Amino acid sequence: ERLVDVITYVFCLLVLGSAISKISGTMAELRAMNEEHSRQRREIRIYLTNQKASFELVSRIMKFVDYKLEKMAMTNFDASLISTTLQTELYVGQRNKFLTPLPIFTMTAEAFPEVFAGACAALR
C-alpha cells in the first residue's frame, strides 16, 4: 500500500513538473516577443528625441508604430512552416472569389485545377 502511494506521489510530481516547465517555456517566448517590440519602440523614441521632434509629433508617430507592430505581429509568419502545396491551397481559398466570377477561370478551375491554383498564387 505504501509503495502505491509513493509511486502515485512520484507520478504526480512528474506531471506537475512537466506542466510547470511548459508554462515557463511559453512565458519565456512571450517575454522574448515583448522585448523585441519594446526594443523597436525604444530605438524609434531615441531617434525622434535626437531629431528634436515635438511632443505631439512623437505621440502621433508612436501611436502609428504601435499600430504597425501590432499589425505585423498578426500578419507575419515564417513561410517555411507551410509546405508549398498548403500555401497554394491557402491562396486558392483566399483568392478564388476574385477569379471565379469570370467564366474562363471557372472553366479553368474545373478542367485544370493546378493551373487555376497557379493563377491564384500569382495574384498579389
PDB file of N, CA and C in Angstrom:
ATOM      1  N   GLU A   1       0.825  -1.191   0.000  1.00  0.00           N
ATOM      2  CA  GLU A   1       0.000   0.000   0.000  1.00  0.00           C
ATOM      3  C   GLU A   1       0.877   1.266   0.000  1.00  0.00           C
ATOM      4  N   ARG A   2       1.941   1.253   0.775  1.00  0.00           N
ATOM      5  CA  ARG A   2       2.832   2.409   0.802  1.00  0.00           C
ATOM      6  C   ARG A   2       3.548   2.584  -0.532  1.00  0.00           C
ATOM      7  N   LEU A   3       3.894   1.484  -1.140  1.00  0.00           N
ATOM      8  CA  LEU A   3       4.569   1.536  -2.427  1.00  0.00           C
ATOM      9  C   LEU A   3       3.681   2.202  -3.475  1.00  0.00           C
ATOM     10  N   VAL A   4       2.409   1.887  -3.477  1.00  0.00           N
ATOM     11  CA  VAL A   4       1.464   2.501  -4.411  1.00  0.00           C
ATOM     12  C   VAL A   4       1.364   3.994  -4.137  1.00  0.00           C
ATOM     13  N   ASP A   5       1.321   4.382  -2.851  1.00  0.00           N
ATOM     14  CA  ASP A   5       1.266   5.806  -2.501  1.00  0.00           C
ATOM     15  C   ASP A   5       2.525   6.537  -2.986  1.00  0.00           C
ATOM     16  N   VAL A   6       3.675   5.931  -2.776  1.00  0.00           N
ATOM     17  CA  VAL A   6       4.926   6.559  -3.198  1.00  0.00           C
ATOM     18  C   VAL A   6       4.965   6.700  -4.718  1.00  0.00           C
ATOM     19  N   ILE A   7       4.572   5.672  -5.425  1.00  0.00           N
ATOM     20  CA  ILE A   7       4.559   5.720  -6.893  1.00  0.00           C
ATOM     21  C   ILE A   7       3.587   6.796  -7.373  1.00  0.00           C
ATOM     22  N   THR A   8       2.434   6.889  -6.733  1.00  0.00           N
ATOM     23  CA  THR A   8       1.439   7.907  -7.101  1.00  0.00           C
ATOM     24  C   THR A   8       1.994   9.307  -6.873  1.00  0.00           C
ATOM     25  N   TYR A   9       2.654   9.544  -5.751  1.00  0.00           N
ATOM     26  CA  TYR A   9       3.232  10.849  -5.463  1.00  0.00           C
ATOM     27  C   TYR A   9       4.321  11.212  -6.474  1.00  0.00           C
ATOM     28  N   VAL A  10       5.164  10.248  -6.797  1.00  0.00           N
ATOM     29  CA  VAL A  10       6.232  10.496  -7.767  1.00  0.00           C
ATOM     30  C   VAL A  10       5.630  10.818  -9.136  1.00  0.00           C
ATOM     31  N   PHE A  11       4.615  10.081  -9.537  1.00  0.00           N
ATOM     32  CA  PHE A  11       3.946  10.325 -10.813  1.00  0.00           C
ATOM     33  C   PHE A  11       3.324  11.722 -10.836  1.00  0.00           C
ATOM     34  N   CYS A  12       2.661  12.102  -9.762  1.00  0.00           N
ATOM     35  CA  CYS A  12       2.052  13.441  -9.676  1.00  0.00           C
ATOM     36  C   CYS A  12       3.115  14.531  -9.755  1.00  0.00           C
ATOM     37  N   LEU A  13       4.241  14.318  -9.084  1.00  0.00           N
ATOM     38  CA  LEU A  13       5.325  15.298  -9.149  1.00  0.00           C
ATOM     39  C   LEU A  13       5.871  15.435 -10.564  1.00  0.00           C
ATOM     40  N   LEU A  14       5.993  14.325 -11.270  1.00  0.00           N
ATOM     41  CA  LEU A  14       6.475  14.379 -12.652  1.00  0.00           C
ATOM     42  C   LEU A  14       5.496  15.135 -13.544  1.00  0.00           C
ATOM     43  N   VAL A  15       4.208  14.868 -13.392  1.00  0.00           N
ATOM     44  CA  VAL A  15       3.191  15.537 -14.210  1.00  0.00           C
ATOM     45  C   VAL A  15       3.174  17.030 -13.907  1.00  0.00           C
ATOM     46  N   LEU A  16       3.196  17.388 -12.638  1.00  0.00           N
ATOM     47  CA  LEU A  16       3.203  18.803 -12.268  1.00  0.00           C
ATOM     48  C   LEU A  16       4.480  19.491 -12.745  1.00  0.00           C
ATOM     49  N   GLY A  17       5.607  18.839 -12.621  1.00  0.00           N
ATOM     50  CA  GLY A  17       6.867  19.407 -13.090  1.00  0.00           C
ATOM     51  C   GLY A  17       6.851  19.652 -14.587  1.00  0.00           C
ATOM     52  N   SER A  18       6.301  18.719 -15.326  1.00  0.00           N
ATOM     53  CA  SER A  18       6.194  18.878 -16.776  1.00  0.00           C
ATOM     54  C   SER A  18       5.290  20.047 -17.132  1.00  0.00           C
ATOM     55  N   ALA A  19       4.151  20.152 -16.453  1.00  0.00           N
ATOM     56  CA  ALA A  19       3.215  21.254 -16.718  1.00  0.00           C
ATOM     57  C   ALA A  19       3.858  22.601 -16.408  1.00  0.00           C
ATOM     58  N   ILE A  20       4.546  22.688 -15.290  1.00  0.00           N
ATOM     59  CA  ILE A  20       5.203  23.942 -14.913  1.00  0.00           C
ATOM     60  C   ILE A  20       6.302  24.285 -15.914  1.00  0.00           C
ATOM     61  N   SER A  21       7.009  23.290 -16.399  1.00  0.00           N
ATOM     62  CA  SER A  21       8.051  23.518 -17.386  1.00  0.00           C
ATOM     63  C   SER A  21       7.473  24.077 -18.682  1.00  0.00           C
ATOM     64  N   LYS A  22       6.376  23.521 -19.146  1.00  0.00           N
ATOM     65  CA  LYS A  22       5.740  24.004 -20.372  1.00  0.00           C
ATOM     66  C   LYS A  22       5.233  25.434 -20.190  1.00  0.00           C
ATOM     67  N   ILE A  23       4.646  25.728 -19.069  1.00  0.00           N
ATOM     68  CA  ILE A  23       4.139  27.075 -18.805  1.00  0.00           C
ATOM     69  C   ILE A  23       5.288  28.074 -18.770  1.00  0.00           C
ATOM     70  N   SER A  24       6.380  27.725 -18.110  1.00  0.00           N
ATOM     71  CA  SER A  24       7.509  28.654 -18.040  1.00  0.00           C
ATOM     72  C   SER A  24       8.145  28.847 -19.413  1.00  0.00           C
ATOM     73  N   GLY A  25       8.182  27.825 -20.233  1.00  0.00           N
ATOM     74  CA  GLY A  25       8.694  27.965 -21.598  1.00  0.00           C
ATOM     75  C   GLY A  25       7.843  28.908 -22.435  1.00  0.00           C
ATOM     76  N   THR A  26       6.526  28.787 -22.308  1.00  0.00           N
ATOM     77  CA  THR A  26       5.615  29.668 -23.027  1.00  0.00           C
ATOM     78  C   THR A  26       5.768  31.103 -22.555  1.00  0.00           C
ATOM     79  N   MET A  27       5.914  31.283 -21.258  1.00  0.00           N
ATOM     80  CA  MET A  27       6.110  32.625 -20.720  1.00  0.00           C
ATOM     81  C   MET A  27       7.410  33.240 -21.237  1.00  0.00           C
ATOM     82  N   ALA A  28       8.448  32.436 -21.371  1.00  0.00           N
ATOM     83  CA  ALA A  28       9.724  32.933 -21.892  1.00  0.00           C
ATOM     84  C   ALA A  28       9.572  33.377 -23.352  1.00  0.00           C
ATOM     85  N   GLU A  29       8.819  32.621 -24.143  1.00  0.00           N
ATOM     86  CA  GLU A  29       8.577  33.008 -25.534  1.00  0.00           C
ATOM     87  C   GLU A  29       7.814  34.324 -25.610  1.00  0.00           C
ATOM     88  N   LEU A  30       6.782  34.479 -24.798  1.00  0.00           N
ATOM     89  CA  LEU A  30       6.016  35.726 -24.773  1.00  0.00           C
ATOM     90  C   LEU A  30       6.889  36.900 -24.357  1.00  0.00           C
ATOM     91  N   ARG A  31       7.726  36.686 -23.367  1.00  0.00           N
ATOM     92  CA  ARG A  31       8.623  37.733 -22.903  1.00  0.00           C
ATOM     93  C   ARG A  31       9.584  38.151 -24.015  1.00  0.00           C
ATOM     94  N   ALA A  32      10.095  37.184 -24.769  1.00  0.00           N
ATOM     95  CA  ALA A  32      11.020  37.494 -25.864  1.00  0.00           C
ATOM     96  C   ALA A  32      10.326  38.314 -26.951  1.00  0.00           C
ATOM     97  N   MET A  33       9.085  37.976 -27.266  1.00  0.00           N
ATOM     98  CA  MET A  33       8.341  38.746 -28.260  1.00  0.00           C
ATOM     99  C   MET A  33       8.126  40.175 -27.783  1.00  0.00           C
ATOM    100  N   ASN A  34       7.741  40.341 -26.534  1.00  0.00           N
ATOM    101  CA  ASN A  34       7.517  41.677 -25.989  1.00  0.00           C
ATOM    102  C   ASN A  34       8.812  42.476 -25.929  1.00  0.00           C
ATOM    103  N   GLU A  35       9.924  41.828 -25.633  1.00  0.00           N
ATOM    104  CA  GLU A  35      11.209  42.520 -25.583  1.00  0.00           C
ATOM    105  C   GLU A  35      11.589  43.056 -26.953  1.00  0.00           C
ATOM    106  N   GLU A  36      11.312  42.300 -27.997  1.00  0.00           N
ATOM    107  CA  GLU A  36      11.624  42.757 -29.356  1.00  0.00           C
ATOM    108  C   GLU A  36      10.815  44.002 -29.704  1.00  0.00           C
ATOM    109  N   HIS A  37       9.523  43.982 -29.398  1.00  0.00           N
ATOM    110  CA  HIS A  37       8.689  45.159 -29.663  1.00  0.00           C
ATOM    111  C   HIS A  37       9.150  46.344 -28.825  1.00  0.00           C
ATOM    112  N   SER A  38       9.486  46.103 -27.586  1.00  0.00           N
ATOM    113  CA  SER A  38       9.959  47.185 -26.722  1.00  0.00           C
ATOM    114  C   SER A  38      11.266  47.770 -27.241  1.00  0.00           C
ATOM    115  N   ARG A  39      12.143  46.925 -27.736  1.00  0.00           N
ATOM    116  CA  ARG A  39      13.411  47.396 -28.287  1.00  0.00           C
ATOM    117  C   ARG A  39      13.168  48.286 -29.499  1.00  0.00           C
ATOM    118  N   GLN A  40      12.276  47.863 -30.390  1.00  0.00           N
ATOM    119  CA  GLN A  40      11.973  48.662 -31.572  1.00  0.00           C
ATOM    120  C   GLN A  40      11.358  50.005 -31.180  1.00  0.00           C
ATOM    121  N   ARG A  41      10.438  49.987 -30.239  1.00  0.00           N
ATOM    122  CA  ARG A  41       9.818  51.236 -29.783  1.00  0.00           C
ATOM    123  C   ARG A  41      10.873  52.163 -29.160  1.00  0.00           C
ATOM    124  N   ARG A  42      11.755  51.599 -28.372  1.00  0.00           N
ATOM    125  CA  ARG A  42      12.787  52.398 -27.708  1.00  0.00           C
ATOM    126  C   ARG A  42      13.723  53.030 -28.739  1.00  0.00           C
ATOM    127  N   GLU A  43      14.126  52.261 -29.764  1.00  0.00           N
ATOM    128  CA  GLU A  43      15.011  52.799 -30.794  1.00  0.00           C
ATOM    129  C   GLU A  43      14.351  53.950 -31.543  1.00  0.00           C
ATOM    130  N   ILE A  44      13.072  53.815 -31.853  1.00  0.00           N
ATOM    131  CA  ILE A  44      12.367  54.885 -32.559  1.00  0.00           C
ATOM    132  C   ILE A  44      12.240  56.118 -31.676  1.00  0.00           C
ATOM    133  N   ARG A  45      11.922  55.901 -30.412  1.00  0.00           N
ATOM    134  CA  ARG A  45      11.789  57.036 -29.493  1.00  0.00           C
ATOM    135  C   ARG A  45      13.133  57.773 -29.339  1.00  0.00           C
ATOM    136  N   ILE A  46      14.237  57.033 -29.250  1.00  0.00           N
ATOM    137  CA  ILE A  46      15.558  57.659 -29.152  1.00  0.00           C
ATOM    138  C   ILE A  46      15.864  58.451 -30.423  1.00  0.00           C
ATOM    139  N   TYR A  47      15.553  57.863 -31.571  1.00  0.00           N
ATOM    140  CA  TYR A  47      15.776  58.561 -32.833  1.00  0.00           C
ATOM    141  C   TYR A  47      14.984  59.865 -32.881  1.00  0.00           C
ATOM    142  N   LEU A  48      13.705  59.810 -32.485  1.00  0.00           N
ATOM    143  CA  LEU A  48      12.873  61.005 -32.522  1.00  0.00           C
ATOM    144  C   LEU A  48      13.373  62.054 -31.529  1.00  0.00           C
ATOM    145  N   THR A  49      13.843  61.612 -30.389  1.00  0.00           N
ATOM    146  CA  THR A  49      14.395  62.549 -29.405  1.00  0.00           C
ATOM    147  C   THR A  49      15.647  63.221 -29.953  1.00  0.00           C
ATOM    148  N   ASN A  50      16.501  62.457 -30.606  1.00  0.00           N
ATOM    149  CA  ASN A  50      17.713  63.031 -31.202  1.00  0.00           C
ATOM    150  C   ASN A  50      17.392  64.004 -32.331  1.00  0.00           C
ATOM    151  N   GLN A  51      16.268  63.788 -33.003  1.00  0.00           N
ATOM    152  CA  GLN A  51      15.854  64.673 -34.086  1.00  0.00           C
ATOM    153  C   GLN A  51      15.109  65.899 -33.568  1.00  0.00           C
ATOM    154  N   LYS A  52      14.923  65.951 -32.271  1.00  0.00           N
ATOM    155  CA  LYS A  52      14.244  67.063 -31.603  1.00  0.00           C
ATOM    156  C   LYS A  52      12.824  67.278 -32.141  1.00  0.00           C
ATOM    157  N   ALA A  53      12.100  66.166 -32.295  1.00  0.00           N
ATOM    158  CA  ALA A  53      10.711  66.240 -32.757  1.00  0.00           C
ATOM    159  C   ALA A  53       9.826  66.734 -31.615  1.00  0.00           C
ATOM    160  N   SER A  54       8.748  67.399 -31.980  1.00  0.00           N
ATOM    161  CA  SER A  54       7.827  67.919 -30.963  1.00  0.00           C
ATOM    162  C   SER A  54       7.098  66.767 -30.274  1.00  0.00           C
ATOM    163  N   PHE A  55       6.594  67.043 -29.087  1.00  0.00           N
ATOM    164  CA  PHE A  55       5.905  66.021 -28.303  1.00  0.00           C
ATOM    165  C   PHE A  55       4.684  65.481 -29.049  1.00  0.00           C
ATOM    166  N   GLU A  56       3.937  66.378 -29.692  1.00  0.00           N
ATOM    167  CA  GLU A  56       2.738  65.957 -30.432  1.00  0.00           C
ATOM    168  C   GLU A  56       3.095  65.019 -31.582  1.00  0.00           C
ATOM    169  N   LEU A  57       4.168  65.388 -32.297  1.00  0.00           N
ATOM    170  CA  LEU A  57       4.594  64.551 -33.418  1.00  0.00           C
ATOM    171  C   LEU A  57       5.094  63.194 -32.918  1.00  0.00           C
ATOM    172  N   VAL A  58       5.857  63.203 -31.837  1.00  0.00           N
ATOM    173  CA  VAL A  58       6.345  61.946 -31.260  1.00  0.00           C
ATOM    174  C   VAL A  58       5.170  61.069 -30.853  1.00  0.00           C
ATOM    175  N   SER A  59       4.148  61.671 -30.239  1.00  0.00           N
ATOM    176  CA  SER A  59       2.971  60.903 -29.820  1.00  0.00           C
ATOM    177  C   SER A  59       2.275  60.276 -31.011  1.00  0.00           C
ATOM    178  N   ARG A  60       2.102  61.046 -32.069  1.00  0.00           N
ATOM    179  CA  ARG A  60       1.445  60.510 -33.266  1.00  0.00           C
ATOM    180  C   ARG A  60       2.258  59.387 -33.892  1.00  0.00           C
ATOM    181  N   ILE A  61       3.565  59.600 -33.972  1.00  0.00           N
ATOM    182  CA  ILE A  61       4.429  58.580 -34.574  1.00  0.00           C
ATOM    183  C   ILE A  61       4.417  57.312 -33.729  1.00  0.00           C
ATOM    184  N   MET A  62       4.468  57.444 -32.416  1.00  0.00           N
ATOM    185  CA  MET A  62       4.486  56.264 -31.554  1.00  0.00           C
ATOM    186  C   MET A  62       3.166  55.497 -31.620  1.00  0.00           C
ATOM    187  N   LYS A  63       2.055  56.215 -31.772  1.00  0.00           N
ATOM    188  CA  LYS A  63       0.772  55.526 -31.957  1.00  0.00           C
ATOM    189  C   LYS A  63       0.791  54.707 -33.239  1.00  0.00           C
ATOM    190  N   PHE A  64       1.343  55.309 -34.298  1.00  0.00           N
ATOM    191  CA  PHE A  64       1.431  54.583 -35.555  1.00  0.00           C
ATOM    192  C   PHE A  64       2.375  53.392 -35.439  1.00  0.00           C
ATOM    193  N   VAL A  65       3.488  53.567 -34.745  1.00  0.00           N
ATOM    194  CA  VAL A  65       4.444  52.462 -34.540  1.00  0.00           C
ATOM    195  C   VAL A  65       3.762  51.326 -33.780  1.00  0.00           C
ATOM    196  N   ASP A  66       3.007  51.660 -32.754  1.00  0.00           N
ATOM    197  CA  ASP A  66       2.279  50.624 -32.007  1.00  0.00           C
ATOM    198  C   ASP A  66       1.310  49.882 -32.920  1.00  0.00           C
ATOM    199  N   TYR A  67       0.605  50.642 -33.754  1.00  0.00           N
ATOM    200  CA  TYR A  67      -0.339  50.028 -34.703  1.00  0.00           C
ATOM    201  C   TYR A  67       0.386  49.085 -35.647  1.00  0.00           C
ATOM    202  N   LYS A  68       1.522  49.541 -36.218  1.00  0.00           N
ATOM    203  CA  LYS A  68       2.262  48.708 -37.167  1.00  0.00           C
ATOM    204  C   LYS A  68       2.835  47.464 -36.492  1.00  0.00           C
ATOM    205  N   LEU A  69       3.357  47.629 -35.276  1.00  0.00           N
ATOM    206  CA  LEU A  69       3.912  46.467 -34.572  1.00  0.00           C
ATOM    207  C   LEU A  69       2.825  45.452 -34.271  1.00  0.00           C
ATOM    208  N   GLU A  70       1.652  45.928 -33.909  1.00  0.00           N
ATOM    209  CA  GLU A  70       0.542  45.020 -33.643  1.00  0.00           C
ATOM    210  C   GLU A  70       0.096  44.331 -34.916  1.00  0.00           C
ATOM    211  N   LYS A  71       0.028  45.082 -36.000  1.00  0.00           N
ATOM    212  CA  LYS A  71      -0.396  44.505 -37.278  1.00  0.00           C
ATOM    213  C   LYS A  71       0.639  43.513 -37.797  1.00  0.00           C
ATOM    214  N   MET A  72       1.939  43.853 -37.644  1.00  0.00           N
ATOM    215  CA  MET A  72       2.986  42.937 -38.083  1.00  0.00           C
ATOM    216  C   MET A  72       2.938  41.635 -37.299  1.00  0.00           C
ATOM    217  N   ALA A  73       2.647  41.713 -36.034  1.00  0.00           N
ATOM    218  CA  ALA A  73       2.607  40.508 -35.203  1.00  0.00           C
ATOM    219  C   ALA A  73       1.513  39.564 -35.675  1.00  0.00           C
ATOM    220  N   MET A  74       0.430  40.122 -36.211  1.00  0.00           N
ATOM    221  CA  MET A  74      -0.675  39.280 -36.655  1.00  0.00           C
ATOM    222  C   MET A  74      -0.450  38.719 -38.052  1.00  0.00           C
ATOM    223  N   THR A  75       0.271  39.452 -38.914  1.00  0.00           N
ATOM    224  CA  THR A  75       0.349  39.037 -40.304  1.00  0.00           C
ATOM    225  C   THR A  75       1.650  38.350 -40.676  1.00  0.00           C
ATOM    226  N   ASN A  76       2.706  38.563 -39.953  1.00  0.00           N
ATOM    227  CA  ASN A  76       3.981  37.957 -40.311  1.00  0.00           C
ATOM    228  C   ASN A  76       4.031  36.508 -39.850  1.00  0.00           C
ATOM    229  N   PHE A  77       4.492  35.665 -40.747  1.00  0.00           N
ATOM    230  CA  PHE A  77       4.700  34.272 -40.389  1.00  0.00           C
ATOM    231  C   PHE A  77       5.860  33.748 -41.201  1.00  0.00           C
ATOM    232  N   ASP A  78       6.439  32.700 -40.739  1.00  0.00           N
ATOM    233  CA  ASP A  78       7.558  32.078 -41.424  1.00  0.00           C
ATOM    234  C   ASP A  78       6.986  31.178 -42.504  1.00  0.00           C
ATOM    235  N   ALA A  79       7.187  31.536 -43.758  1.00  0.00           N
ATOM    236  CA  ALA A  79       6.611  30.789 -44.873  1.00  0.00           C
ATOM    237  C   ALA A  79       7.147  29.362 -44.943  1.00  0.00           C
ATOM    238  N   SER A  80       8.312  29.118 -44.372  1.00  0.00           N
ATOM    239  CA  SER A  80       8.866  27.769 -44.423  1.00  0.00           C
ATOM    240  C   SER A  80       8.094  26.797 -43.529  1.00  0.00           C
ATOM    241  N   LEU A  81       7.226  27.324 -42.670  1.00  0.00           N
ATOM    242  CA  LEU A  81       6.433  26.452 -41.807  1.00  0.00           C
ATOM    243  C   LEU A  81       5.315  25.758 -42.568  1.00  0.00           C
ATOM    244  N   ILE A  82       4.940  26.312 -43.709  1.00  0.00           N
ATOM    245  CA  ILE A  82       3.839  25.749 -44.503  1.00  0.00           C
ATOM    246  C   ILE A  82       4.421  25.255 -45.819  1.00  0.00           C
ATOM    247  N   SER A  83       4.057  24.051 -46.204  1.00  0.00           N
ATOM    248  CA  SER A  83       4.561  23.499 -47.458  1.00  0.00           C
ATOM    249  C   SER A  83       3.995  24.293 -48.634  1.00  0.00           C
ATOM    250  N   THR A  84       4.636  24.180 -49.796  1.00  0.00           N
ATOM    251  CA  THR A  84       4.173  24.919 -50.974  1.00  0.00           C
ATOM    252  C   THR A  84       2.786  24.465 -51.400  1.00  0.00           C
ATOM    253  N   THR A  85       2.484  23.194 -51.227  1.00  0.00           N
ATOM    254  CA  THR A  85       1.154  22.698 -51.572  1.00  0.00           C
ATOM    255  C   THR A  85       0.095  23.341 -50.689  1.00  0.00           C
ATOM    256  N   LEU A  86       0.370  23.410 -49.398  1.00  0.00           N
ATOM    257  CA  LEU A  86      -0.589  24.039 -48.489  1.00  0.00           C
ATOM    258  C   LEU A  86      -0.680  25.546 -48.734  1.00  0.00           C
ATOM    259  N   GLN A  87       0.446  26.190 -49.080  1.00  0.00           N
ATOM    260  CA  GLN A  87       0.397  27.608 -49.407  1.00  0.00           C
ATOM    261  C   GLN A  87      -0.478  27.842 -50.636  1.00  0.00           C
ATOM    262  N   THR A  88      -0.339  26.986 -51.636  1.00  0.00           N
ATOM    263  CA  THR A  88      -1.162  27.109 -52.840  1.00  0.00           C
ATOM    264  C   THR A  88      -2.632  26.922 -52.508  1.00  0.00           C
ATOM    265  N   GLU A  89      -2.955  25.957 -51.669  1.00  0.00           N
ATOM    266  CA  GLU A  89      -4.353  25.762 -51.257  1.00  0.00           C
ATOM    267  C   GLU A  89      -4.874  26.972 -50.497  1.00  0.00           C
ATOM    268  N   LEU A  90      -4.017  27.564 -49.687  1.00  0.00           N
ATOM    269  CA  LEU A  90      -4.400  28.773 -48.967  1.00  0.00           C
ATOM    270  C   LEU A  90      -4.695  29.904 -49.944  1.00  0.00           C
ATOM    271  N   TYR A  91      -3.845  30.075 -50.964  1.00  0.00           N
ATOM    272  CA  TYR A  91      -4.076  31.110 -51.962  1.00  0.00           C
ATOM    273  C   TYR A  91      -5.386  30.880 -52.709  1.00  0.00           C
ATOM    274  N   VAL A  92      -5.648  29.631 -53.063  1.00  0.00           N
ATOM    275  CA  VAL A  92      -6.902  29.320 -53.765  1.00  0.00           C
ATOM    276  C   VAL A  92      -8.084  29.665 -52.870  1.00  0.00           C
ATOM    277  N   GLY A  93      -8.023  29.286 -51.607  1.00  0.00           N
ATOM    278  CA  GLY A  93      -9.120  29.588 -50.688  1.00  0.00           C
ATOM    279  C   GLY A  93      -9.338  31.077 -50.504  1.00  0.00           C
ATOM    280  N   GLN A  94      -8.252  31.851 -50.514  1.00  0.00           N
ATOM    281  CA  GLN A  94      -8.362  33.293 -50.309  1.00  0.00           C
ATOM    282  C   GLN A  94      -8.769  34.032 -51.576  1.00  0.00           C
ATOM    283  N   ARG A  95      -8.285  33.591 -52.727  1.00  0.00           N
ATOM    284  CA  ARG A  95      -8.388  34.406 -53.939  1.00  0.00           C
ATOM    285  C   ARG A  95      -9.335  33.880 -54.996  1.00  0.00           C
ATOM    286  N   ASN A  96      -9.893  32.701 -54.812  1.00  0.00           N
ATOM    287  CA  ASN A  96     -10.763  32.166 -55.859  1.00  0.00           C
ATOM    288  C   ASN A  96     -12.023  32.994 -56.039  1.00  0.00           C
ATOM    289  N   LYS A  97     -12.450  33.703 -54.998  1.00  0.00           N
ATOM    290  CA  LYS A  97     -13.666  34.518 -55.115  1.00  0.00           C
ATOM    291  C   LYS A  97     -13.472  35.682 -56.076  1.00  0.00           C
ATOM    292  N   PHE A  98     -12.214  36.064 -56.329  1.00  0.00           N
ATOM    293  CA  PHE A  98     -11.947  37.141 -57.281  1.00  0.00           C
ATOM    294  C   PHE A  98     -11.905  36.634 -58.720  1.00  0.00           C
ATOM    295  N   LEU A  99     -11.566  35.371 -58.888  1.00  0.00           N
ATOM    296  CA  LEU A  99     -11.416  34.820 -60.232  1.00  0.00           C
ATOM    297  C   LEU A  99     -12.643  34.063 -60.724  1.00  0.00           C
ATOM    298  N   THR A 100     -13.348  33.389 -59.846  1.00  0.00           N
ATOM    299  CA  THR A 100     -14.460  32.548 -60.297  1.00  0.00           C
ATOM    300  C   THR A 100     -15.640  33.307 -60.896  1.00  0.00           C
ATOM    301  N   PRO A 101     -15.853  34.586 -60.623  1.00  0.00           N
ATOM    302  CA  PRO A 101     -16.927  35.274 -61.348  1.00  0.00           C
ATOM    303  C   PRO A 101     -16.683  35.353 -62.857  1.00  0.00           C
ATOM    304  N   LEU A 102     -15.436  35.210 -63.285  1.00  0.00           N
ATOM    305  CA  LEU A 102     -15.115  35.224 -64.707  1.00  0.00           C
ATOM    306  C   LEU A 102     -15.247  33.801 -65.256  1.00  0.00           C
ATOM    307  N   PRO A 103     -16.059  33.617 -66.296  1.00  0.00           N
ATOM    308  CA  PRO A 103     -16.322  32.259 -66.806  1.00  0.00           C
ATOM    309  C   PRO A 103     -15.066  31.492 -67.203  1.00  0.00           C
ATOM    310  N   ILE A 104     -14.068  32.176 -67.751  1.00  0.00           N
ATOM    311  CA  ILE A 104     -12.862  31.474 -68.181  1.00  0.00           C
ATOM    312  C   ILE A 104     -12.136  30.833 -66.997  1.00  0.00           C
ATOM    313  N   PHE A 105     -12.133  31.548 -65.868  1.00  0.00           N
ATOM    314  CA  PHE A 105     -11.472  30.998 -64.695  1.00  0.00           C
ATOM    315  C   PHE A 105     -12.310  29.914 -64.034  1.00  0.00           C
ATOM    316  N   THR A 106     -13.626  30.024 -64.127  1.00  0.00           N
ATOM    317  CA  THR A 106     -14.485  28.959 -63.605  1.00  0.00           C
ATOM    318  C   THR A 106     -14.222  27.669 -64.360  1.00  0.00           C
ATOM    319  N   MET A 107     -14.129  27.769 -65.693  1.00  0.00           N
ATOM    320  CA  MET A 107     -13.845  26.582 -66.509  1.00  0.00           C
ATOM    321  C   MET A 107     -12.446  26.054 -66.215  1.00  0.00           C
ATOM    322  N   THR A 108     -11.496  26.963 -66.031  1.00  0.00           N
ATOM    323  CA  THR A 108     -10.124  26.547 -65.723  1.00  0.00           C
ATOM    324  C   THR A 108     -10.077  25.820 -64.386  1.00  0.00           C
ATOM    325  N   ALA A 109     -10.820  26.320 -63.403  1.00  0.00           N
ATOM    326  CA  ALA A 109     -10.844  25.677 -62.087  1.00  0.00           C
ATOM    327  C   ALA A 109     -11.391  24.268 -62.181  1.00  0.00           C
ATOM    328  N   GLU A 110     -12.386  24.070 -63.041  1.00  0.00           N
ATOM    329  CA  GLU A 110     -12.986  22.742 -63.166  1.00  0.00           C
ATOM    330  C   GLU A 110     -12.123  21.799 -63.992  1.00  0.00           C
ATOM    331  N   ALA A 111     -11.563  22.301 -65.108  1.00  0.00           N
ATOM    332  CA  ALA A 111     -10.817  21.430 -66.015  1.00  0.00           C
ATOM    333  C   ALA A 111      -9.352  21.266 -65.613  1.00  0.00           C
ATOM    334  N   PHE A 112      -8.740  22.347 -65.133  1.00  0.00           N
ATOM    335  CA  PHE A 112      -7.315  22.332 -64.816  1.00  0.00           C
ATOM    336  C   PHE A 112      -7.092  22.962 -63.443  1.00  0.00           C
ATOM    337  N   PRO A 113      -7.359  22.232 -62.372  1.00  0.00           N
ATOM    338  CA  PRO A 113      -7.232  22.821 -61.038  1.00  0.00           C
ATOM    339  C   PRO A 113      -5.815  23.300 -60.703  1.00  0.00           C
ATOM    340  N   GLU A 114      -4.788  22.615 -61.259  1.00  0.00           N
ATOM    341  CA  GLU A 114      -3.420  23.035 -60.976  1.00  0.00           C
ATOM    342  C   GLU A 114      -3.122  24.394 -61.596  1.00  0.00           C
ATOM    343  N   VAL A 115      -3.625  24.613 -62.823  1.00  0.00           N
ATOM    344  CA  VAL A 115      -3.420  25.897 -63.499  1.00  0.00           C
ATOM    345  C   VAL A 115      -4.164  26.998 -62.746  1.00  0.00           C
ATOM    346  N   PHE A 116      -5.394  26.683 -62.312  1.00  0.00           N
ATOM    347  CA  PHE A 116      -6.166  27.666 -61.558  1.00  0.00           C
ATOM    348  C   PHE A 116      -5.459  28.002 -60.237  1.00  0.00           C
ATOM    349  N   ALA A 117      -4.897  26.992 -59.586  1.00  0.00           N
ATOM    350  CA  ALA A 117      -4.150  27.229 -58.345  1.00  0.00           C
ATOM    351  C   ALA A 117      -2.950  28.126 -58.620  1.00  0.00           C
ATOM    352  N   GLY A 118      -2.283  27.907 -59.733  1.00  0.00           N
ATOM    353  CA  GLY A 118      -1.149  28.759 -60.093  1.00  0.00           C
ATOM    354  C   GLY A 118      -1.576  30.200 -60.340  1.00  0.00           C
ATOM    355  N   ALA A 119      -2.738  30.372 -60.963  1.00  0.00           N
ATOM    356  CA  ALA A 119      -3.252  31.726 -61.197  1.00  0.00           C
ATOM    357  C   ALA A 119      -3.585  32.397 -59.874  1.00  0.00           C
ATOM    358  N   CYS A 120      -4.163  31.645 -58.948  1.00  0.00           N
ATOM    359  CA  CYS A 120      -4.475  32.214 -57.638  1.00  0.00           C
ATOM    360  C   CYS A 120      -3.212  32.587 -56.878  1.00  0.00           C
ATOM    361  N   ALA A 121      -2.187  31.754 -57.017  1.00  0.00           N
ATOM    362  CA  ALA A 121      -0.933  32.024 -56.331  1.00  0.00           C
ATOM    363  C   ALA A 121      -0.220  33.234 -56.941  1.00  0.00           C
ATOM    364  N   ALA A 122      -0.458  33.496 -58.231  1.00  0.00           N
ATOM    365  CA  ALA A 122       0.215  34.619 -58.900  1.00  0.00           C
ATOM    366  C   ALA A 122      -0.394  35.959 -58.500  1.00  0.00           C
ATOM    367  N   LEU A 123      -1.633  35.963 -58.026  1.00  0.00           N
ATOM    368  CA  LEU A 123      -2.259  37.214 -57.606  1.00  0.00           C
ATOM    369  C   LEU A 123      -1.574  37.766 -56.383  1.00  0.00           C
ATOM    370  N   ARG A 124      -1.491  39.055 -56.288  1.00  0.00           N
ATOM    371  CA  ARG A 124      -0.926  39.702 -55.092  1.00  0.00           C
ATOM    372  C   ARG A 124      -1.955  40.575 -54.454  1.00  0.00           C
TER     373      ARG A 124
END
